[in-house]
Amino acid sequence: MRDEGVMLLFMVCVIIVVVHPLKLVSANLEGDALHSLRVNFDDPNSVLQSWDPTLVNPCTWFHVTCNNDNSVIRVDLGNAALSGTLVPQIGLLKNLQYL
């Protein structure tokens, strides 16, 4: 019984060590994608000022909504007076439901 408990604890630790950083990497990829969008837009009112690519994930940025897994599901830029074109990196937002 003791060996089973040790093995279970080991497996839980492996899952935490392996899966948790993958979520951070995914969030960073999404932040990088949104930052690419930001630098491609003309933003006369500084609406995207909070889009700081040095943060762990973009879920704290204004106009960005994430799900429970810290994955971007919504980017609401209506009435922001932005101009420019979308970038291909927007395709990295795998869970995006609203733009």
N, C-alpha and C. Protein backbone atom coordinates (compact mmCIF):
# COMPACT_ATOMS: atom_id res chain seq x y z
N MET A 1 0.83 -1.20 0.00
CA MET A 1 0.00 0.00 0.00
C MET A 1 0.87 1.26 0.00
N ARG A 2 1.96 1.24 0.75
CA ARG A 2 2.84 2.40 0.84
C ARG A 2 3.45 2.71 -0.53
N ASP A 3 3.85 1.69 -1.27
CA ASP A 3 4.44 1.89 -2.60
C ASP A 3 3.44 2.50 -3.57
N GLU A 4 2.17 2.12 -3.44
CA GLU A 4 1.13 2.68 -4.30
C GLU A 4 0.96 4.18 -4.02
N GLY A 5 1.02 4.55 -2.76
CA GLY A 5 0.89 5.96 -2.39
C GLY A 5 2.06 6.78 -2.90
N VAL A 6 3.26 6.23 -2.82
CA VAL A 6 4.44 6.91 -3.33
C VAL A 6 4.34 7.08 -4.84
N MET A 7 3.90 6.01 -5.51
CA MET A 7 3.77 6.06 -6.97
C MET A 7 2.71 7.09 -7.38
N LEU A 8 1.59 7.15 -6.68
CA LEU A 8 0.55 8.13 -6.97
C LEU A 8 1.07 9.55 -6.77
N LEU A 9 1.79 9.78 -5.68
CA LEU A 9 2.36 11.09 -5.42
C LEU A 9 3.35 11.47 -6.52
N PHE A 10 4.16 10.52 -6.94
CA PHE A 10 5.11 10.77 -8.02
C PHE A 10 4.39 11.16 -9.31
N MET A 11 3.33 10.45 -9.65
CA MET A 11 2.59 10.73 -10.88
C MET A 11 1.94 12.11 -10.83
N VAL A 12 1.40 12.48 -9.68
CA VAL A 12 0.80 13.81 -9.53
C VAL A 12 1.86 14.89 -9.71
N CYS A 13 3.03 14.68 -9.13
CA CYS A 13 4.13 15.65 -9.27
C CYS A 13 4.56 15.78 -10.73
N VAL A 14 4.64 14.67 -11.43
CA VAL A 14 5.02 14.69 -12.85
C VAL A 14 3.99 15.48 -13.65
N ILE A 15 2.73 15.25 -13.39
CA ILE A 15 1.67 15.97 -14.11
C ILE A 15 1.78 17.47 -13.85
N ILE A 16 2.00 17.85 -12.61
CA ILE A 16 2.12 19.28 -12.28
C ILE A 16 3.34 19.89 -12.97
N VAL A 17 4.45 19.19 -12.94
CA VAL A 17 5.69 19.72 -13.53
C VAL A 17 5.60 19.80 -15.05
N VAL A 18 4.94 18.83 -15.67
CA VAL A 18 4.88 18.79 -17.14
C VAL A 18 3.75 19.64 -17.69
N VAL A 19 2.56 19.52 -17.16
CA VAL A 19 1.39 20.19 -17.72
C VAL A 19 1.35 21.68 -17.38
N HIS A 20 1.66 22.05 -16.17
CA HIS A 20 1.57 23.46 -15.76
C HIS A 20 2.43 24.38 -16.63
N PRO A 21 3.70 24.06 -16.87
CA PRO A 21 4.49 24.93 -17.75
C PRO A 21 3.95 25.00 -19.17
N LEU A 22 3.32 23.94 -19.64
CA LEU A 22 2.75 23.96 -20.98
C LEU A 22 1.65 25.00 -21.09
N LYS A 23 0.87 25.18 -20.03
CA LYS A 23 -0.15 26.22 -20.03
C LYS A 23 0.48 27.60 -20.12
N LEU A 24 1.61 27.79 -19.43
CA LEU A 24 2.29 29.08 -19.48
C LEU A 24 2.86 29.33 -20.87
N VAL A 25 3.40 28.30 -21.49
CA VAL A 25 3.93 28.45 -22.85
C VAL A 25 2.82 28.82 -23.80
N SER A 26 1.67 28.15 -23.67
CA SER A 26 0.52 28.46 -24.52
C SER A 26 0.08 29.90 -24.33
N ALA A 27 0.01 30.33 -23.07
CA ALA A 27 -0.41 31.70 -22.80
C ALA A 27 0.59 32.69 -23.39
N ASN A 28 1.89 32.38 -23.32
CA ASN A 28 2.89 33.27 -23.90
C ASN A 28 2.75 33.34 -25.41
N LEU A 29 2.45 32.21 -26.05
CA LEU A 29 2.23 32.22 -27.50
C LEU A 29 1.05 33.10 -27.86
N GLU A 30 0.00 33.03 -27.06
CA GLU A 30 -1.17 33.86 -27.31
C GLU A 30 -0.85 35.33 -27.07
N GLY A 31 -0.08 35.61 -26.04
CA GLY A 31 0.34 36.99 -25.79
C GLY A 31 1.20 37.52 -26.92
N ASP A 32 2.09 36.69 -27.43
CA ASP A 32 2.92 37.09 -28.56
C ASP A 32 2.07 37.36 -29.79
N ALA A 33 1.07 36.52 -30.00
CA ALA A 33 0.18 36.71 -31.16
C ALA A 33 -0.58 38.03 -31.04
N LEU A 34 -1.10 38.32 -29.86
CA LEU A 34 -1.83 39.58 -29.66
C LEU A 34 -0.89 40.77 -29.75
N HIS A 35 0.32 40.62 -29.27
CA HIS A 35 1.28 41.72 -29.37
C HIS A 35 1.61 42.00 -30.84
N SER A 36 1.70 40.96 -31.65
CA SER A 36 1.92 41.15 -33.09
C SER A 36 0.77 41.94 -33.70
N LEU A 37 -0.44 41.65 -33.23
CA LEU A 37 -1.60 42.39 -33.70
C LEU A 37 -1.48 43.86 -33.28
N ARG A 38 -1.09 44.07 -32.03
CA ARG A 38 -0.96 45.44 -31.50
C ARG A 38 0.03 46.27 -32.32
N VAL A 39 1.19 45.72 -32.60
CA VAL A 39 2.20 46.51 -33.31
C VAL A 39 1.82 46.75 -34.76
N ASN A 40 0.88 45.98 -35.28
CA ASN A 40 0.43 46.15 -36.66
C ASN A 40 -0.71 47.17 -36.76
N PHE A 41 -1.32 47.51 -35.64
CA PHE A 41 -2.43 48.46 -35.63
C PHE A 41 -1.94 49.87 -35.34
N ASP A 42 -2.64 50.83 -35.91
CA ASP A 42 -2.49 52.23 -35.50
C ASP A 42 -3.50 52.41 -34.37
N ASP A 43 -3.01 52.83 -33.22
CA ASP A 43 -3.82 52.93 -32.01
C ASP A 43 -3.76 54.37 -31.48
N PRO A 44 -4.50 55.30 -32.11
CA PRO A 44 -4.39 56.72 -31.75
C PRO A 44 -4.83 57.04 -30.32
N ASN A 45 -5.67 56.21 -29.72
CA ASN A 45 -6.17 56.48 -28.37
C ASN A 45 -5.47 55.62 -27.30
N SER A 46 -4.42 54.92 -27.67
CA SER A 46 -3.66 54.05 -26.76
C SER A 46 -4.55 53.03 -26.05
N VAL A 47 -5.51 52.50 -26.77
CA VAL A 47 -6.44 51.51 -26.21
C VAL A 47 -5.70 50.22 -25.84
N LEU A 48 -4.66 49.91 -26.60
CA LEU A 48 -3.94 48.65 -26.39
C LEU A 48 -2.69 48.83 -25.51
N GLN A 49 -2.63 49.90 -24.77
CA GLN A 49 -1.47 50.21 -23.95
C GLN A 49 -1.16 49.11 -22.93
N SER A 50 -2.18 48.43 -22.42
CA SER A 50 -1.97 47.40 -21.40
C SER A 50 -1.45 46.09 -21.99
N TRP A 51 -1.36 45.99 -23.30
CA TRP A 51 -0.91 44.75 -23.94
C TRP A 51 0.61 44.65 -23.85
N ASP A 52 1.08 44.20 -22.72
CA ASP A 52 2.50 44.12 -22.40
C ASP A 52 3.00 42.69 -22.63
N PRO A 53 3.83 42.46 -23.63
CA PRO A 53 4.26 41.10 -23.95
C PRO A 53 5.18 40.49 -22.90
N THR A 54 5.64 41.26 -21.92
CA THR A 54 6.51 40.70 -20.89
C THR A 54 5.73 40.03 -19.76
N LEU A 55 4.41 40.18 -19.74
CA LEU A 55 3.60 39.52 -18.72
C LEU A 55 3.46 38.04 -19.05
N VAL A 56 3.17 37.24 -18.04
CA VAL A 56 3.08 35.79 -18.21
C VAL A 56 2.00 35.40 -19.22
N ASN A 57 0.87 36.07 -19.15
CA ASN A 57 -0.19 35.80 -20.13
C ASN A 57 -1.02 37.06 -20.36
N PRO A 58 -1.76 37.07 -21.45
CA PRO A 58 -2.53 38.27 -21.80
C PRO A 58 -3.87 38.39 -21.08
N CYS A 59 -4.16 37.52 -20.16
CA CYS A 59 -5.48 37.51 -19.52
C CYS A 59 -5.72 38.73 -18.63
N THR A 60 -4.69 39.47 -18.31
CA THR A 60 -4.84 40.68 -17.51
C THR A 60 -4.94 41.93 -18.37
N TRP A 61 -4.82 41.78 -19.67
CA TRP A 61 -4.86 42.91 -20.58
C TRP A 61 -6.30 43.39 -20.76
N PHE A 62 -6.47 44.71 -20.94
CA PHE A 62 -7.79 45.25 -21.22
C PHE A 62 -8.25 44.75 -22.59
N HIS A 63 -9.53 44.50 -22.71
CA HIS A 63 -10.19 44.07 -23.94
C HIS A 63 -9.92 42.61 -24.29
N VAL A 64 -9.30 41.85 -23.39
CA VAL A 64 -9.01 40.43 -23.60
C VAL A 64 -9.70 39.63 -22.50
N THR A 65 -10.42 38.59 -22.90
CA THR A 65 -11.08 37.70 -21.95
C THR A 65 -10.52 36.29 -22.16
N CYS A 66 -10.26 35.61 -21.05
CA CYS A 66 -9.72 34.25 -21.12
C CYS A 66 -10.66 33.27 -20.42
N ASN A 67 -10.49 32.00 -20.74
CA ASN A 67 -11.25 30.95 -20.06
C ASN A 67 -10.49 30.52 -18.81
N ASN A 68 -10.96 29.48 -18.14
CA ASN A 68 -10.34 29.02 -16.89
C ASN A 68 -8.94 28.47 -17.09
N ASP A 69 -8.58 28.15 -18.33
CA ASP A 69 -7.25 27.64 -18.63
C ASP A 69 -6.29 28.74 -19.07
N ASN A 70 -6.69 30.00 -18.85
CA ASN A 70 -5.90 31.16 -19.26
C ASN A 70 -5.62 31.18 -20.76
N SER A 71 -6.60 30.78 -21.52
CA SER A 71 -6.51 30.83 -22.97
C SER A 71 -7.48 31.90 -23.47
N VAL A 72 -7.04 32.69 -24.41
CA VAL A 72 -7.84 33.81 -24.92
C VAL A 72 -9.07 33.28 -25.65
N ILE A 73 -10.24 33.77 -25.24
CA ILE A 73 -11.49 33.38 -25.90
C ILE A 73 -12.20 34.58 -26.54
N ARG A 74 -11.79 35.79 -26.14
CA ARG A 74 -12.48 36.97 -26.64
C ARG A 74 -11.51 38.16 -26.69
N VAL A 75 -11.56 38.88 -27.81
CA VAL A 75 -10.81 40.14 -27.95
C VAL A 75 -11.83 41.16 -28.45
N ASP A 76 -12.17 42.12 -27.60
CA ASP A 76 -13.22 43.07 -27.89
C ASP A 76 -12.61 44.44 -28.17
N LEU A 77 -12.49 44.78 -29.44
CA LEU A 77 -11.86 46.04 -29.83
C LEU A 77 -12.83 46.99 -30.52
N GLY A 78 -14.12 46.74 -30.34
CA GLY A 78 -15.13 47.61 -30.93
C GLY A 78 -15.02 49.03 -30.43
N ASN A 79 -15.24 49.98 -31.29
CA ASN A 79 -15.20 51.41 -30.95
C ASN A 79 -13.84 51.87 -30.42
N ALA A 80 -12.78 51.16 -30.80
CA ALA A 80 -11.45 51.52 -30.30
C ALA A 80 -10.70 52.43 -31.27
N ALA A 81 -11.29 52.75 -32.42
CA ALA A 81 -10.67 53.62 -33.43
C ALA A 81 -9.33 53.08 -33.93
N LEU A 82 -9.21 51.77 -33.96
CA LEU A 82 -7.99 51.14 -34.47
C LEU A 82 -8.05 51.05 -35.98
N SER A 83 -6.88 51.05 -36.60
CA SER A 83 -6.81 50.79 -38.03
C SER A 83 -5.59 49.92 -38.29
N GLY A 84 -5.64 49.17 -39.35
CA GLY A 84 -4.56 48.26 -39.70
C GLY A 84 -5.14 46.96 -40.20
N THR A 85 -4.30 45.98 -40.34
CA THR A 85 -4.75 44.67 -40.84
C THR A 85 -4.48 43.60 -39.80
N LEU A 86 -5.27 42.53 -39.89
CA LEU A 86 -5.04 41.38 -39.02
C LEU A 86 -3.74 40.70 -39.41
N VAL A 87 -3.10 40.06 -38.47
CA VAL A 87 -1.86 39.35 -38.72
C VAL A 87 -2.11 37.85 -38.70
N PRO A 88 -1.31 37.07 -39.40
CA PRO A 88 -1.49 35.61 -39.42
C PRO A 88 -1.40 34.98 -38.03
N GLN A 89 -0.65 35.60 -37.13
CA GLN A 89 -0.48 35.06 -35.78
C GLN A 89 -1.79 34.96 -35.02
N ILE A 90 -2.82 35.64 -35.48
CA ILE A 90 -4.13 35.56 -34.82
C ILE A 90 -4.63 34.10 -34.82
N GLY A 91 -4.13 33.32 -35.76
CA GLY A 91 -4.48 31.90 -35.82
C GLY A 91 -3.94 31.09 -34.65
N LEU A 92 -3.01 31.64 -33.89
CA LEU A 92 -2.49 30.96 -32.71
C LEU A 92 -3.46 31.02 -31.54
N LEU A 93 -4.49 31.84 -31.65
CA LEU A 93 -5.51 31.93 -30.59
C LEU A 93 -6.53 30.83 -30.84
N LYS A 94 -6.17 29.62 -30.47
CA LYS A 94 -6.94 28.41 -30.79
C LYS A 94 -8.34 28.39 -30.18
N ASN A 95 -8.55 29.10 -29.10
CA ASN A 95 -9.86 29.09 -28.43
C ASN A 95 -10.64 30.39 -28.64
N LEU A 96 -10.15 31.23 -29.53
CA LEU A 96 -10.82 32.52 -29.78
C LEU A 96 -12.22 32.29 -30.33
N GLN A 97 -13.21 32.90 -29.67
CA GLN A 97 -14.60 32.78 -30.09
C GLN A 97 -15.17 34.08 -30.60
N TYR A 98 -14.53 35.19 -30.23
CA TYR A 98 -15.08 36.51 -30.57
C TYR A 98 -13.93 37.47 -30.83
N LEU A 99 -14.00 38.15 -31.97
CA LEU A 99 -13.04 39.20 -32.28
C LEU A 99 -13.83 40.38 -32.80
